[in-house]
Amino acid sequence: MRFAYYSIMWGFCDNAGLAIEIDADIQRTLAALKDVGELDANDLDLILADVENMLREKWDWALPESLLMKSFASISLDISTAIDFAQTHAAT
């Protein structure tokens, strides 16, 4: 019975993937992708300079800022994938 339920459920699903809506013209979008593509994934000071909400875990308030940045980036971001994506699509 469970198999029939899943096959019916999946039969009506359509995975359209992830979409990003950007409120900018194509030139500004490509310029932003170029900027992201030029980032150094190890330069967390630059990447996270304007982030104000890095306190996610119970004891984050006790961490020195450099360790807090590393923790936040490892839990919340996939910087290298974002850079790869930007490099691939900025050239389009």
N, C-alpha and C. Protein backbone atom coordinates (compact mmCIF):
# COMPACT_ATOMS: atom_id res chain seq x y z
N MET A 1 0.81 -1.18 0.00
CA MET A 1 0.00 0.00 0.00
C MET A 1 0.86 1.25 0.00
N ARG A 2 1.95 1.23 0.76
CA ARG A 2 2.81 2.38 0.84
C ARG A 2 3.41 2.70 -0.53
N PHE A 3 3.82 1.65 -1.28
CA PHE A 3 4.40 1.85 -2.61
C PHE A 3 3.41 2.55 -3.54
N ALA A 4 2.16 2.14 -3.50
CA ALA A 4 1.14 2.76 -4.36
C ALA A 4 0.97 4.23 -4.00
N TYR A 5 1.00 4.55 -2.71
CA TYR A 5 0.87 5.93 -2.28
C TYR A 5 2.01 6.78 -2.85
N TYR A 6 3.25 6.28 -2.72
CA TYR A 6 4.39 7.03 -3.21
C TYR A 6 4.37 7.17 -4.73
N SER A 7 3.98 6.11 -5.41
CA SER A 7 3.97 6.21 -6.87
C SER A 7 2.92 7.21 -7.34
N ILE A 8 1.78 7.25 -6.65
CA ILE A 8 0.77 8.25 -7.00
C ILE A 8 1.27 9.64 -6.65
N MET A 9 1.87 9.77 -5.47
CA MET A 9 2.37 11.07 -5.03
C MET A 9 3.42 11.60 -6.01
N TRP A 10 4.37 10.77 -6.39
CA TRP A 10 5.42 11.22 -7.29
C TRP A 10 4.91 11.44 -8.71
N GLY A 11 3.84 10.74 -9.07
CA GLY A 11 3.29 10.90 -10.40
C GLY A 11 2.75 12.30 -10.65
N PHE A 12 2.36 13.00 -9.60
CA PHE A 12 1.80 14.33 -9.76
C PHE A 12 2.77 15.45 -9.40
N CYS A 13 3.98 15.10 -9.05
CA CYS A 13 4.97 16.10 -8.68
C CYS A 13 5.77 16.54 -9.90
N ASP A 14 6.08 17.77 -9.93
CA ASP A 14 6.92 18.31 -11.00
C ASP A 14 8.00 19.16 -10.36
N ASN A 15 9.21 18.69 -10.40
CA ASN A 15 10.32 19.41 -9.80
C ASN A 15 10.83 20.45 -10.79
N ALA A 16 10.54 21.71 -10.51
CA ALA A 16 10.98 22.79 -11.39
C ALA A 16 12.34 23.33 -10.98
N GLY A 17 12.90 22.83 -9.89
CA GLY A 17 14.21 23.27 -9.44
C GLY A 17 14.13 24.56 -8.65
N LEU A 18 15.28 25.12 -8.38
CA LEU A 18 15.41 26.34 -7.62
C LEU A 18 15.41 27.53 -8.56
N ALA A 19 14.73 28.58 -8.18
CA ALA A 19 14.69 29.79 -8.99
C ALA A 19 15.17 30.97 -8.16
N ILE A 20 15.86 31.88 -8.80
CA ILE A 20 16.31 33.11 -8.16
C ILE A 20 15.75 34.27 -8.96
N GLU A 21 15.03 35.13 -8.28
CA GLU A 21 14.49 36.31 -8.94
C GLU A 21 15.37 37.50 -8.58
N ILE A 22 15.84 38.20 -9.60
CA ILE A 22 16.76 39.33 -9.41
C ILE A 22 16.11 40.59 -9.94
N ASP A 23 16.06 41.59 -9.09
CA ASP A 23 15.46 42.87 -9.47
C ASP A 23 16.55 43.80 -9.99
N ALA A 24 17.09 43.47 -11.15
CA ALA A 24 18.15 44.27 -11.77
C ALA A 24 18.19 43.94 -13.26
N ASP A 25 18.77 44.84 -14.03
CA ASP A 25 18.91 44.55 -15.45
C ASP A 25 20.06 43.56 -15.64
N ILE A 26 20.21 43.05 -16.83
CA ILE A 26 21.18 42.00 -17.12
C ILE A 26 22.61 42.46 -16.87
N GLN A 27 22.92 43.71 -17.18
CA GLN A 27 24.29 44.21 -16.99
C GLN A 27 24.67 44.26 -15.51
N ARG A 28 23.75 44.74 -14.67
CA ARG A 28 24.02 44.79 -13.22
C ARG A 28 24.12 43.38 -12.66
N THR A 29 23.30 42.48 -13.15
CA THR A 29 23.34 41.10 -12.69
C THR A 29 24.66 40.44 -13.05
N LEU A 30 25.09 40.61 -14.28
CA LEU A 30 26.38 40.04 -14.70
C LEU A 30 27.54 40.66 -13.94
N ALA A 31 27.46 41.96 -13.65
CA ALA A 31 28.52 42.62 -12.87
C ALA A 31 28.58 42.05 -11.46
N ALA A 32 27.42 41.80 -10.85
CA ALA A 32 27.38 41.22 -9.51
C ALA A 32 27.93 39.79 -9.52
N LEU A 33 27.57 39.01 -10.53
CA LEU A 33 28.11 37.66 -10.65
C LEU A 33 29.62 37.69 -10.83
N LYS A 34 30.10 38.65 -11.61
CA LYS A 34 31.56 38.79 -11.80
C LYS A 34 32.24 39.10 -10.47
N ASP A 35 31.65 40.01 -9.68
CA ASP A 35 32.22 40.35 -8.37
C ASP A 35 32.27 39.13 -7.46
N VAL A 36 31.20 38.36 -7.42
CA VAL A 36 31.16 37.16 -6.59
C VAL A 36 32.18 36.14 -7.11
N GLY A 37 32.28 36.01 -8.42
CA GLY A 37 33.23 35.07 -9.01
C GLY A 37 34.68 35.39 -8.71
N GLU A 38 34.97 36.63 -8.36
CA GLU A 38 36.34 37.04 -8.05
C GLU A 38 36.66 36.95 -6.56
N LEU A 39 35.69 36.55 -5.74
CA LEU A 39 35.93 36.45 -4.30
C LEU A 39 36.90 35.31 -3.99
N ASP A 40 37.62 35.46 -2.89
CA ASP A 40 38.46 34.40 -2.36
C ASP A 40 37.67 33.72 -1.26
N ALA A 41 37.38 32.44 -1.42
CA ALA A 41 36.54 31.71 -0.46
C ALA A 41 37.12 31.71 0.95
N ASN A 42 38.42 31.95 1.07
CA ASN A 42 39.07 31.95 2.38
C ASN A 42 39.05 33.32 3.05
N ASP A 43 38.61 34.35 2.34
CA ASP A 43 38.60 35.71 2.90
C ASP A 43 37.26 36.01 3.56
N LEU A 44 37.02 35.36 4.70
CA LEU A 44 35.74 35.51 5.39
C LEU A 44 35.53 36.92 5.92
N ASP A 45 36.63 37.62 6.25
CA ASP A 45 36.49 39.01 6.72
C ASP A 45 35.79 39.87 5.68
N LEU A 46 36.15 39.71 4.42
CA LEU A 46 35.53 40.47 3.34
C LEU A 46 34.12 39.97 3.03
N ILE A 47 33.96 38.66 2.93
CA ILE A 47 32.68 38.08 2.55
C ILE A 47 31.60 38.35 3.59
N LEU A 48 31.97 38.29 4.87
CA LEU A 48 30.99 38.43 5.95
C LEU A 48 31.03 39.79 6.64
N ALA A 49 31.68 40.76 6.02
CA ALA A 49 31.86 42.07 6.65
C ALA A 49 30.56 42.73 7.07
N ASP A 50 29.51 42.60 6.29
CA ASP A 50 28.25 43.29 6.58
C ASP A 50 27.18 42.38 7.19
N VAL A 51 27.53 41.16 7.52
CA VAL A 51 26.55 40.25 8.12
C VAL A 51 26.37 40.60 9.59
N GLU A 52 25.14 40.81 9.98
CA GLU A 52 24.85 41.21 11.35
C GLU A 52 24.25 40.10 12.20
N ASN A 53 23.84 39.02 11.59
CA ASN A 53 23.12 37.97 12.32
C ASN A 53 23.86 36.63 12.31
N MET A 54 25.12 36.63 12.68
CA MET A 54 25.89 35.39 12.66
C MET A 54 25.67 34.53 13.90
N LEU A 55 25.02 35.04 14.92
CA LEU A 55 24.79 34.27 16.14
C LEU A 55 23.64 33.30 15.90
N ARG A 56 23.96 32.03 15.64
CA ARG A 56 22.97 31.00 15.32
C ARG A 56 22.88 29.91 16.37
N GLU A 57 23.99 29.56 16.94
CA GLU A 57 24.05 28.46 17.89
C GLU A 57 24.09 28.99 19.33
N LYS A 58 23.83 28.11 20.27
CA LYS A 58 23.68 28.50 21.67
C LYS A 58 24.89 29.28 22.21
N TRP A 59 26.08 28.85 21.90
CA TRP A 59 27.28 29.46 22.49
C TRP A 59 28.03 30.36 21.52
N ASP A 60 27.43 30.74 20.41
CA ASP A 60 28.09 31.61 19.44
C ASP A 60 28.52 32.95 20.04
N TRP A 61 27.78 33.44 21.00
CA TRP A 61 28.11 34.74 21.61
C TRP A 61 29.48 34.71 22.29
N ALA A 62 29.96 33.52 22.65
CA ALA A 62 31.22 33.40 23.37
C ALA A 62 32.43 33.24 22.45
N LEU A 63 32.20 33.08 21.15
CA LEU A 63 33.30 32.86 20.22
C LEU A 63 33.98 34.15 19.81
N PRO A 64 35.31 34.11 19.61
CA PRO A 64 35.97 35.27 19.00
C PRO A 64 35.44 35.45 17.58
N GLU A 65 35.48 36.66 17.08
CA GLU A 65 34.84 36.95 15.78
C GLU A 65 35.37 36.07 14.65
N SER A 66 36.66 35.81 14.60
CA SER A 66 37.20 34.98 13.51
C SER A 66 36.63 33.57 13.55
N LEU A 67 36.49 32.99 14.74
CA LEU A 67 35.93 31.66 14.87
C LEU A 67 34.42 31.68 14.61
N LEU A 68 33.74 32.74 15.02
CA LEU A 68 32.32 32.90 14.74
C LEU A 68 32.08 32.94 13.24
N MET A 69 32.92 33.66 12.51
CA MET A 69 32.79 33.73 11.05
C MET A 69 32.97 32.35 10.42
N LYS A 70 33.96 31.61 10.87
CA LYS A 70 34.19 30.26 10.34
C LYS A 70 33.01 29.35 10.64
N SER A 71 32.49 29.44 11.85
CA SER A 71 31.34 28.62 12.22
C SER A 71 30.13 28.97 11.38
N PHE A 72 29.82 30.25 11.26
CA PHE A 72 28.68 30.71 10.47
C PHE A 72 28.81 30.26 9.02
N ALA A 73 29.99 30.45 8.44
CA ALA A 73 30.21 30.07 7.05
C ALA A 73 30.06 28.57 6.84
N SER A 74 30.56 27.78 7.78
CA SER A 74 30.48 26.32 7.60
C SER A 74 29.06 25.79 7.75
N ILE A 75 28.25 26.44 8.55
CA ILE A 75 26.88 25.99 8.78
C ILE A 75 25.90 26.57 7.77
N SER A 76 26.09 27.84 7.41
CA SER A 76 25.07 28.57 6.65
C SER A 76 25.40 28.83 5.19
N LEU A 77 26.65 28.70 4.79
CA LEU A 77 27.04 29.10 3.44
C LEU A 77 27.79 27.99 2.71
N ASP A 78 27.69 28.01 1.40
CA ASP A 78 28.52 27.16 0.55
C ASP A 78 29.24 28.11 -0.41
N ILE A 79 30.26 28.76 0.13
CA ILE A 79 30.93 29.85 -0.58
C ILE A 79 31.59 29.37 -1.87
N SER A 80 32.27 28.25 -1.82
CA SER A 80 32.97 27.79 -3.02
C SER A 80 31.98 27.46 -4.15
N THR A 81 30.84 26.90 -3.81
CA THR A 81 29.83 26.62 -4.84
C THR A 81 29.25 27.92 -5.40
N ALA A 82 29.03 28.90 -4.54
CA ALA A 82 28.53 30.20 -5.01
C ALA A 82 29.53 30.85 -5.95
N ILE A 83 30.80 30.76 -5.63
CA ILE A 83 31.84 31.34 -6.49
C ILE A 83 31.88 30.60 -7.83
N ASP A 84 31.84 29.27 -7.78
CA ASP A 84 31.83 28.48 -9.02
C ASP A 84 30.63 28.83 -9.89
N PHE A 85 29.44 28.92 -9.26
CA PHE A 85 28.23 29.28 -9.98
C PHE A 85 28.38 30.65 -10.64
N ALA A 86 28.88 31.61 -9.87
CA ALA A 86 29.04 32.97 -10.41
C ALA A 86 30.02 32.99 -11.57
N GLN A 87 31.13 32.27 -11.45
CA GLN A 87 32.11 32.23 -12.54
C GLN A 87 31.51 31.62 -13.79
N THR A 88 30.74 30.57 -13.61
CA THR A 88 30.13 29.90 -14.76
C THR A 88 29.10 30.79 -15.46
N HIS A 89 28.28 31.48 -14.66
CA HIS A 89 27.16 32.25 -15.24
C HIS A 89 27.52 33.69 -15.57
N ALA A 90 28.59 34.22 -15.04
CA ALA A 90 29.00 35.60 -15.38
C ALA A 90 29.51 35.67 -16.82
N ALA A 91 30.01 34.55 -17.31
CA ALA A 91 30.54 34.51 -18.66
C ALA A 91 29.47 34.30 -19.71
N THR A 92 28.25 34.05 -19.27
CA THR A 92 27.15 33.75 -20.21
C THR A 92 26.71 34.97 -20.94
